[in-house]
Protein backbone atom coordinates (compact mmCIF):
# COMPACT_ATOMS: atom_id res chain seq x y z
CA MET A 1 9.59 26.77 -38.25
CA THR A 2 11.03 26.15 -41.71
CA PRO A 3 12.05 29.20 -43.76
CA ARG A 4 9.89 29.87 -46.82
CA ASP A 5 11.24 28.78 -50.16
CA VAL A 6 13.06 31.40 -52.20
CA ALA A 7 13.56 31.00 -55.96
CA CYS A 8 16.89 32.10 -57.52
CA ILE A 9 15.26 35.11 -59.17
CA GLU A 10 13.84 36.26 -55.83
CA LEU A 11 17.23 35.80 -54.15
CA VAL A 12 18.79 38.18 -56.69
CA GLU A 13 16.19 40.75 -55.79
CA LEU A 14 16.80 40.32 -52.02
CA LEU A 15 20.59 40.14 -52.15
CA THR A 16 21.40 43.83 -51.84
CA ASP A 17 19.23 44.21 -48.76
CA TYR A 18 20.68 40.96 -47.39
CA LEU A 19 24.22 42.28 -47.79
CA GLU A 20 23.25 45.59 -46.20
CA GLY A 21 21.59 43.87 -43.22
CA ALA A 22 18.25 45.40 -44.14
CA LEU A 23 16.09 42.26 -44.42
CA PRO A 24 13.61 41.14 -41.77
CA PRO A 25 14.76 38.00 -39.91
CA ALA A 26 12.30 35.72 -41.80
CA ASP A 27 13.73 36.83 -45.14
CA VAL A 28 17.34 36.40 -43.84
CA ALA A 29 16.46 32.83 -42.88
CA ALA A 30 14.91 32.21 -46.31
CA VAL A 31 17.92 33.64 -48.18
CA GLU A 32 20.36 31.64 -46.06
CA ALA A 33 18.35 28.42 -46.52
CA HIS A 34 18.39 28.97 -50.28
CA LEU A 35 22.12 29.71 -50.31
CA ALA A 36 22.79 26.52 -48.40
CA GLN A 37 21.19 24.55 -51.21
CA CYS A 38 22.14 26.51 -54.35
CA PRO A 39 25.78 26.62 -55.53
CA ALA A 40 24.94 29.05 -58.34
CA CYS A 41 23.47 31.61 -55.94
CA ARG A 42 26.43 31.16 -53.57
CA ARG A 43 28.72 31.98 -56.49
CA TYR A 44 26.60 35.03 -57.28
CA LEU A 45 26.82 36.14 -53.66
CA ASP A 46 30.60 35.68 -53.73
CA GLN A 47 30.77 37.77 -56.93
CA MET A 48 28.72 40.51 -55.29
CA ARG A 49 30.96 40.53 -52.24
CA ALA A 50 34.08 40.62 -54.42
CA THR A 51 32.65 43.55 -56.45
CA ILE A 52 31.83 45.48 -53.30
CA ALA A 53 35.26 44.78 -51.85
CA THR A 54 36.97 45.84 -55.08
CA LEU A 55 34.92 48.96 -55.77
CA GLY A 56 34.20 50.06 -52.26
CA THR A 57 31.54 52.68 -52.00
CA VAL A 58 31.25 55.01 -54.96
CA PRO A 59 28.90 57.92 -54.27
CA VAL A 60 26.32 58.09 -57.07
CA GLU A 61 26.76 61.83 -57.46
CA THR A 62 30.41 61.31 -58.51
CA LEU A 63 29.47 59.19 -61.52
CA SER A 64 29.43 60.86 -64.93
CA ASP A 65 26.33 60.46 -67.08
CA GLY A 66 28.31 58.08 -69.33
CA ALA A 67 29.44 55.91 -66.43
CA TRP A 68 25.94 55.86 -65.00
CA GLY A 69 24.55 54.72 -68.34
CA VAL A 70 27.12 51.98 -68.75
CA LEU A 71 26.45 50.63 -65.24
CA LEU A 72 22.67 50.78 -65.70
CA ASP A 73 22.91 48.98 -69.04
CA ALA A 74 25.13 46.29 -67.53
CA PHE A 75 22.77 45.81 -64.61
CA THR A 76 19.74 45.62 -66.90
CA ARG A 77 21.41 43.01 -69.07
CA ARG A 78 22.31 40.97 -66.01
CA THR A 79 18.94 41.12 -64.23
CA GLY A 80 16.55 41.74 -67.12
CA PRO A 81 14.16 44.64 -67.53
CA ARG A 82 11.91 45.57 -64.63
């Protein structure tokens, strides 16, 4: 069985769950098939892994309102409004 096609925008939406091991096997296969064919998404995945490794886990409750706003604005600019 061939994994379903995943567009780059969908990969971005699935990546957090992929990194956390929270995707069903069919979605893991689809993400990995896309990554095998898409250098841009592989770079994005590498950037996400580097960010996680650099920042570690920061409990949300420890963020000030200002820091929370800056991070949310940066995420929104990167991914677009939902």
